[in-house]
Amino acid sequence: MTSHLLLFTIGPVQDFIAQARRTRDLWYGSHLLSELSRAAARSLADAGALLVFPALPRGHGELELCITPLRAGEQPPLNIANRLLAEIPDGTDPERLARKAREDVRRCWRDQIAAPVKRACARLLADGIEMTWNEQIDTLLEFTAAWVPLGDYTQARIELDRAVAARKHLRDFVPWQQLRGGVPKSSLDGARETVLERPERRDAKLVKKYRITDGEQLDAVGLVKRAGGHPKLHEDDGVDDHVIQFVPVVNVALAPWALLAAKEAPAKLHSLKDACDRLGLPEVNRKIPCAQAFPYDAPIFLQSRWASLLQ
């Protein structure tokens, strides 16, 4: 048996990153995809593959899972792309390694990432969603793998890319089997059913912590993106753990306008900030550009958002 070049991809990128309502969803979706790719890279390396991308040897510290934003020592983890390239040595079956990597990633996603969120958010979940939760979690990930004998490296890469691209043109459309019926769909994609309890029965502390509005519905994947990762502010920032460090999308969108308002109408903007402080509106406790001129939730500038924000 000759050596092989293996290309292994994980998706869908759309579900992980693009389907996001809050900046927290966007961050964790990207972070999560990187961590699942890390699990695949670790599986391949432990099985004897030589990683080409990421170029990390077996046992390297960056192959260890990092659910939180920072590793010990306040260092961010290395980002791992969702396309892994590895050289499979002579005498090793590339198909076996690819299947093992797929199962290891599924196990990581189900047991190490999704399960802790489900336990932590139990008081947000509706009754009888066990089967629905499992189906939504188990059917999310998409894997594509291809391998060719390693002769000419350039030609092998071309063949791998063609094979993976051709496979991705084929889509699997598996119908949902565990439907609850008569419940809203997810606010993020409109495809999966919500796993949340009715708004009036949700735990108020968790609702505030993850900023879930009354009209918002989340499926299992959406809830993992909203509640996973356990990001916390530094202890010397002087804020409680329940304060979310991810600013609303509106703050990012209106940042240029707020800077202009601070220049053209500083007195009025200062008066508004005083009013927000008296009302106890959510405050952005991070030194970032989009909070420079207005360190409160920017939806206060949008009349349509007043009711939910003031509530």
Protein backbone atom coordinates (compact mmCIF):
# COMPACT_ATOMS: atom_id res chain seq x y z
CA MET A 1 0.00 0.00 0.00
CA THR A 2 1.36 3.42 -0.99
CA SER A 3 1.18 6.69 0.91
CA HIS A 4 -1.82 8.98 0.26
CA LEU A 5 -2.75 12.62 0.41
CA LEU A 6 -6.04 13.18 2.28
CA LEU A 7 -8.33 16.21 2.16
CA PHE A 8 -10.96 16.41 4.92
CA THR A 9 -13.57 19.19 5.16
CA ILE A 10 -16.20 20.09 7.77
CA GLY A 11 -19.36 22.13 7.25
CA PRO A 12 -21.80 23.69 6.84
CA VAL A 13 -20.16 27.10 7.16
CA GLN A 14 -23.52 28.82 6.59
CA ASP A 15 -25.09 27.29 9.71
CA PHE A 16 -22.06 28.02 11.86
CA ILE A 17 -21.32 31.60 10.88
CA ALA A 18 -23.82 33.32 8.61
CA GLN A 19 -26.96 32.37 10.56
CA ALA A 20 -26.42 34.69 13.51
CA ARG A 21 -28.66 37.26 15.18
CA ARG A 22 -26.25 38.62 17.75
CA THR A 23 -22.53 39.29 17.63
CA ARG A 24 -22.15 36.53 20.21
CA ASP A 25 -23.70 34.03 17.78
CA LEU A 26 -21.29 35.20 15.09
CA TRP A 27 -18.22 34.85 17.31
CA TYR A 28 -19.07 31.45 18.69
CA GLY A 29 -20.17 30.06 15.34
CA SER A 30 -16.74 30.84 13.90
CA HIS A 31 -14.94 29.69 17.06
CA LEU A 32 -16.95 26.47 17.14
CA LEU A 33 -16.14 25.56 13.54
CA SER A 34 -12.45 26.07 14.33
CA GLU A 35 -12.69 23.81 17.38
CA LEU A 36 -14.40 21.01 15.45
CA SER A 37 -11.67 21.27 12.83
CA ARG A 38 -9.16 21.06 15.67
CA ALA A 39 -10.79 17.83 16.85
CA ALA A 40 -10.48 16.38 13.34
CA ALA A 41 -6.83 17.42 13.10
CA ARG A 42 -6.07 15.84 16.47
CA SER A 43 -7.79 12.61 15.43
CA LEU A 44 -5.78 12.39 12.21
CA ALA A 45 -2.49 13.15 13.95
CA ASP A 46 -3.13 10.64 16.74
CA ALA A 47 -3.83 7.97 14.10
CA GLY A 48 -0.43 8.52 12.49
CA ALA A 49 -1.18 11.05 9.76
CA LEU A 50 1.30 13.83 9.02
CA LEU A 51 -0.63 17.09 9.07
CA VAL A 52 0.18 19.43 6.21
CA PHE A 53 -2.46 22.01 7.09
CA PRO A 54 -2.53 22.85 9.90
CA ALA A 55 1.19 22.05 10.11
CA LEU A 56 1.13 20.72 13.67
CA PRO A 57 2.89 17.57 14.90
CA ARG A 58 1.21 14.92 16.98
CA GLY A 59 0.90 15.96 20.63
CA HIS A 60 1.18 19.69 19.91
CA GLY A 61 -0.65 21.86 22.45
CA GLU A 62 -2.68 23.59 19.75
CA LEU A 63 -4.37 20.28 18.94
CA GLU A 64 -6.07 20.32 22.36
CA LEU A 65 -9.69 21.49 22.44
CA CYS A 66 -10.28 25.07 23.64
CA ILE A 67 -13.97 25.87 24.12
CA THR A 68 -13.32 29.20 25.85
CA PRO A 69 -11.97 32.27 23.99
CA LEU A 70 -8.53 32.04 25.65
CA ARG A 71 -6.22 29.26 26.74
CA ALA A 72 -4.37 29.21 30.04
CA GLY A 73 -2.06 32.18 30.09
CA GLU A 74 -4.61 34.41 28.33
CA GLN A 75 -3.49 33.26 24.88
CA PRO A 76 -6.09 32.83 22.11
CA PRO A 77 -6.13 29.41 20.44
CA LEU A 78 -4.79 28.99 16.94
CA ASN A 79 -7.60 29.22 14.39
CA ILE A 80 -8.00 25.99 12.41
CA ALA A 81 -9.58 26.13 8.96
CA ASN A 82 -12.35 23.70 8.05
CA ARG A 83 -10.21 22.15 5.26
CA LEU A 84 -7.55 19.78 6.58
CA LEU A 85 -4.77 18.32 4.49
CA ALA A 86 -2.73 15.36 5.68
CA GLU A 87 -0.23 12.84 4.34
CA ILE A 88 -1.19 9.27 5.17
CA PRO A 89 1.88 7.03 5.49
CA ASP A 90 2.41 3.82 3.58
CA GLY A 91 0.56 0.90 5.15
CA THR A 92 -2.24 3.03 6.68
CA ASP A 93 -5.77 2.96 5.28
CA PRO A 94 -6.86 6.59 4.54
CA GLU A 95 -10.54 5.64 4.57
CA ARG A 96 -10.25 4.29 8.11
CA LEU A 97 -8.58 7.50 9.30
CA ALA A 98 -11.23 9.67 7.62
CA ARG A 99 -14.08 7.68 9.19
CA LYS A 100 -12.42 7.80 12.59
CA ALA A 101 -11.95 11.58 12.31
CA ARG A 102 -15.62 11.97 11.40
CA GLU A 103 -16.76 10.01 14.45
CA ASP A 104 -14.36 11.85 16.76
CA VAL A 105 -15.69 15.21 15.57
CA ARG A 106 -19.29 14.09 16.00
CA ARG A 107 -18.52 12.90 19.52
CA CYS A 108 -16.80 16.19 20.37
CA TRP A 109 -19.75 18.20 19.02
CA ARG A 110 -22.39 16.12 20.77
CA ASP A 111 -20.76 15.36 24.13
CA GLN A 112 -18.22 18.10 24.80
CA ILE A 113 -19.91 21.12 23.22
CA ALA A 114 -23.69 20.66 22.90
CA ALA A 115 -24.39 18.55 26.01
CA PRO A 116 -22.99 21.09 28.53
CA VAL A 117 -25.13 23.84 26.97
CA LYS A 118 -28.21 21.68 27.24
CA ARG A 119 -27.56 21.10 30.95
CA ALA A 120 -26.82 24.76 31.65
CA CYS A 121 -29.92 25.95 29.79
CA ALA A 122 -32.35 23.32 31.10
CA ARG A 123 -34.65 26.03 32.52
CA LEU A 124 -35.04 27.53 29.05
CA LEU A 125 -35.97 24.29 27.31
CA ALA A 126 -39.47 23.04 26.64
CA ASP A 127 -40.65 19.69 27.94
CA GLY A 128 -40.28 16.66 25.72
CA ILE A 129 -37.62 18.05 23.38
CA GLU A 130 -35.09 15.25 23.95
CA MET A 131 -35.56 13.53 20.59
CA THR A 132 -35.84 16.83 18.71
CA TRP A 133 -32.66 18.12 20.34
CA ASN A 134 -30.73 14.96 19.47
CA GLU A 135 -31.89 14.99 15.84
CA GLN A 136 -30.99 18.67 15.34
CA ILE A 137 -27.55 18.20 16.88
CA ASP A 138 -26.79 14.89 15.16
CA THR A 139 -27.78 16.07 11.66
CA LEU A 140 -25.92 19.38 11.61
CA LEU A 141 -22.39 18.45 10.59
CA GLU A 142 -21.37 17.73 7.03
CA PHE A 143 -18.16 15.89 6.17
CA THR A 144 -16.36 15.41 2.88
CA ALA A 145 -13.14 13.44 2.48
CA ALA A 146 -11.08 12.42 -0.52
CA TRP A 147 -7.69 10.78 -0.89
CA VAL A 148 -5.35 9.95 -3.75
CA PRO A 149 -2.00 8.14 -3.97
CA LEU A 150 0.81 10.56 -3.25
CA GLY A 151 3.02 10.71 -6.30
CA ASP A 152 3.31 14.15 -7.83
CA TYR A 153 2.16 16.53 -5.07
CA THR A 154 0.75 19.21 -7.37
CA GLN A 155 -1.29 16.72 -9.38
CA ALA A 156 -2.51 15.06 -6.19
CA ARG A 157 -3.78 18.41 -4.87
CA ILE A 158 -5.63 19.10 -8.12
CA GLU A 159 -7.32 15.70 -8.04
CA LEU A 160 -8.31 16.12 -4.39
CA ASP A 161 -9.86 19.54 -4.94
CA ARG A 162 -11.82 18.25 -7.93
CA ALA A 163 -13.10 15.23 -6.02
CA VAL A 164 -14.23 17.27 -3.01
CA ALA A 165 -15.86 19.93 -5.19
CA ALA A 166 -17.74 17.25 -7.15
CA ARG A 167 -19.02 15.61 -3.95
CA LYS A 168 -20.26 18.93 -2.62
CA HIS A 169 -22.45 19.33 -5.69
CA LEU A 170 -24.45 16.38 -4.34
CA ARG A 171 -26.70 17.31 -1.43
CA ASP A 172 -28.42 15.01 1.04
CA PHE A 173 -31.99 16.05 1.87
CA VAL A 174 -33.08 13.95 4.82
CA PRO A 175 -36.57 14.71 6.19
CA TRP A 176 -37.02 15.59 9.85
CA GLN A 177 -38.29 12.64 11.86
CA GLN A 178 -38.65 14.14 15.36
CA LEU A 179 -41.04 17.05 14.88
CA ARG A 180 -42.86 18.47 17.89
CA GLY A 181 -45.61 20.02 15.78
CA GLY A 182 -47.48 23.25 16.45
CA VAL A 183 -44.39 25.16 17.63
CA PRO A 184 -42.51 28.07 16.00
CA LYS A 185 -39.47 27.62 13.84
CA SER A 186 -36.03 28.96 14.73
CA SER A 187 -35.60 32.72 14.28
CA LEU A 188 -32.18 32.11 12.73
CA ASP A 189 -32.97 29.84 9.79
CA GLY A 190 -36.69 29.07 9.75
CA ALA A 191 -35.93 25.38 9.19
CA ARG A 192 -35.46 23.75 12.59
CA GLU A 193 -38.15 23.85 15.25
CA THR A 194 -37.57 25.80 18.43
CA VAL A 195 -36.48 23.94 21.56
CA LEU A 196 -37.30 26.84 23.87
CA GLU A 197 -40.13 27.05 26.35
CA ARG A 198 -42.87 29.65 25.89
CA PRO A 199 -41.57 33.15 26.76
CA GLU A 200 -43.52 33.43 30.00
CA ARG A 201 -42.08 30.14 31.28
CA ARG A 202 -38.42 30.79 30.52
CA ASP A 203 -35.99 31.36 33.37
CA ALA A 204 -35.65 35.14 33.68
CA LYS A 205 -32.00 35.03 34.75
CA LEU A 206 -30.97 32.94 31.74
CA VAL A 207 -33.08 35.07 29.42
CA LYS A 208 -31.22 38.15 30.61
CA LYS A 209 -27.84 36.44 30.51
CA TYR A 210 -28.19 35.38 26.88
CA ARG A 211 -30.41 38.30 25.81
CA ILE A 212 -33.21 36.18 24.43
CA THR A 213 -36.15 38.36 23.46
CA ASP A 214 -39.77 37.29 23.88
CA GLY A 215 -40.24 36.95 20.15
CA GLU A 216 -37.01 35.02 19.60
CA GLN A 217 -36.99 31.28 19.01
CA LEU A 218 -33.85 29.15 18.98
CA ASP A 219 -33.29 25.61 17.79
CA ALA A 220 -30.68 23.38 19.45
CA VAL A 221 -27.85 24.63 17.23
CA GLY A 222 -28.84 28.28 17.73
CA LEU A 223 -28.96 27.84 21.50
CA VAL A 224 -25.50 26.25 21.52
CA LYS A 225 -24.15 29.25 19.60
CA ARG A 226 -25.86 31.66 21.97
CA ALA A 227 -24.89 29.99 25.25
CA GLY A 228 -21.70 28.05 24.48
CA GLY A 229 -18.10 29.03 24.99
CA HIS A 230 -18.38 30.58 28.47
CA PRO A 231 -16.76 33.92 27.53
CA LYS A 232 -16.10 36.14 30.55
CA LEU A 233 -14.66 39.57 31.07
CA HIS A 234 -11.43 40.06 32.95
CA GLU A 235 -11.95 40.23 36.68
CA ASP A 236 -10.55 43.75 36.90
CA ASP A 237 -13.22 45.09 34.55
CA GLY A 238 -15.55 45.45 37.52
CA VAL A 239 -18.59 43.78 35.97
CA ASP A 240 -20.55 40.72 36.99
CA ASP A 241 -20.34 37.43 35.12
CA HIS A 242 -23.91 37.82 33.86
CA VAL A 243 -23.03 40.95 31.85
CA ILE A 244 -22.64 39.87 28.25
CA GLN A 245 -19.48 41.19 26.64
CA PHE A 246 -20.87 41.01 23.11
CA VAL A 247 -22.38 44.28 21.93
CA PRO A 248 -25.59 44.42 19.86
CA VAL A 249 -25.22 44.47 16.09
CA VAL A 250 -26.88 47.91 16.16
CA ASN A 251 -23.90 49.32 18.07
CA VAL A 252 -21.59 48.22 15.28
CA ALA A 253 -23.92 49.56 12.57
CA LEU A 254 -24.44 52.96 14.23
CA ALA A 255 -20.85 53.50 15.41
CA PRO A 256 -19.99 56.05 12.65
CA TRP A 257 -23.24 57.91 13.30
CA ALA A 258 -22.59 58.00 17.07
CA LEU A 259 -19.12 59.43 16.48
CA LEU A 260 -20.63 62.14 14.29
CA ALA A 261 -23.30 62.85 16.91
CA ALA A 262 -20.62 63.21 19.58
CA LYS A 263 -18.95 65.84 17.39
CA GLU A 264 -22.03 67.73 16.18
CA ALA A 265 -24.33 67.48 19.22
CA PRO A 266 -22.22 66.54 22.26
CA ALA A 267 -24.60 68.04 24.82
CA LYS A 268 -27.60 66.09 23.56
CA LEU A 269 -25.65 62.83 23.39
CA HIS A 270 -24.31 63.40 26.92
CA SER A 271 -27.86 64.00 28.14
CA LEU A 272 -28.98 60.75 26.55
CA LYS A 273 -26.14 58.83 28.20
CA ASP A 274 -27.15 60.27 31.58
CA ALA A 275 -30.73 59.13 30.98
CA CYS A 276 -29.56 55.64 30.03
CA ASP A 277 -27.52 55.51 33.22
CA ARG A 278 -30.50 56.53 35.37
CA LEU A 279 -32.70 53.90 33.71
CA GLY A 280 -30.08 51.20 34.20
CA LEU A 281 -29.97 50.26 30.52
CA PRO A 282 -27.39 47.67 29.46
CA GLU A 283 -23.91 49.15 29.25
CA VAL A 284 -21.04 48.10 26.99
CA ASN A 285 -18.18 47.42 29.38
CA ARG A 286 -15.44 47.02 26.81
CA LYS A 287 -12.97 49.45 25.31
CA ILE A 288 -13.79 48.86 21.67
CA PRO A 289 -14.31 51.36 18.81
CA CYS A 290 -18.06 50.81 18.42
CA ALA A 291 -18.60 51.79 22.08
CA GLN A 292 -16.31 54.80 22.06
CA ALA A 293 -18.96 57.48 21.58
CA PHE A 294 -21.96 55.70 23.12
CA PRO A 295 -21.23 52.96 25.71
CA TYR A 296 -24.84 51.73 26.00
CA ASP A 297 -27.03 49.46 23.89
CA ALA A 298 -27.55 51.42 20.66
CA PRO A 299 -31.07 50.05 20.00
CA ILE A 300 -32.20 53.00 22.17
CA PHE A 301 -31.80 55.08 19.00
CA LEU A 302 -34.44 52.96 17.23
CA GLN A 303 -38.00 53.66 18.34
CA SER A 304 -39.15 50.21 17.22
CA ARG A 305 -36.78 48.65 19.76
CA TRP A 306 -37.75 50.77 22.77
CA ALA A 307 -40.33 48.38 24.19
CA SER A 308 -38.06 45.31 24.36
CA LEU A 309 -35.04 47.33 25.48
CA LEU A 310 -36.84 49.15 28.29
CA GLN A 311 -38.53 45.95 29.42
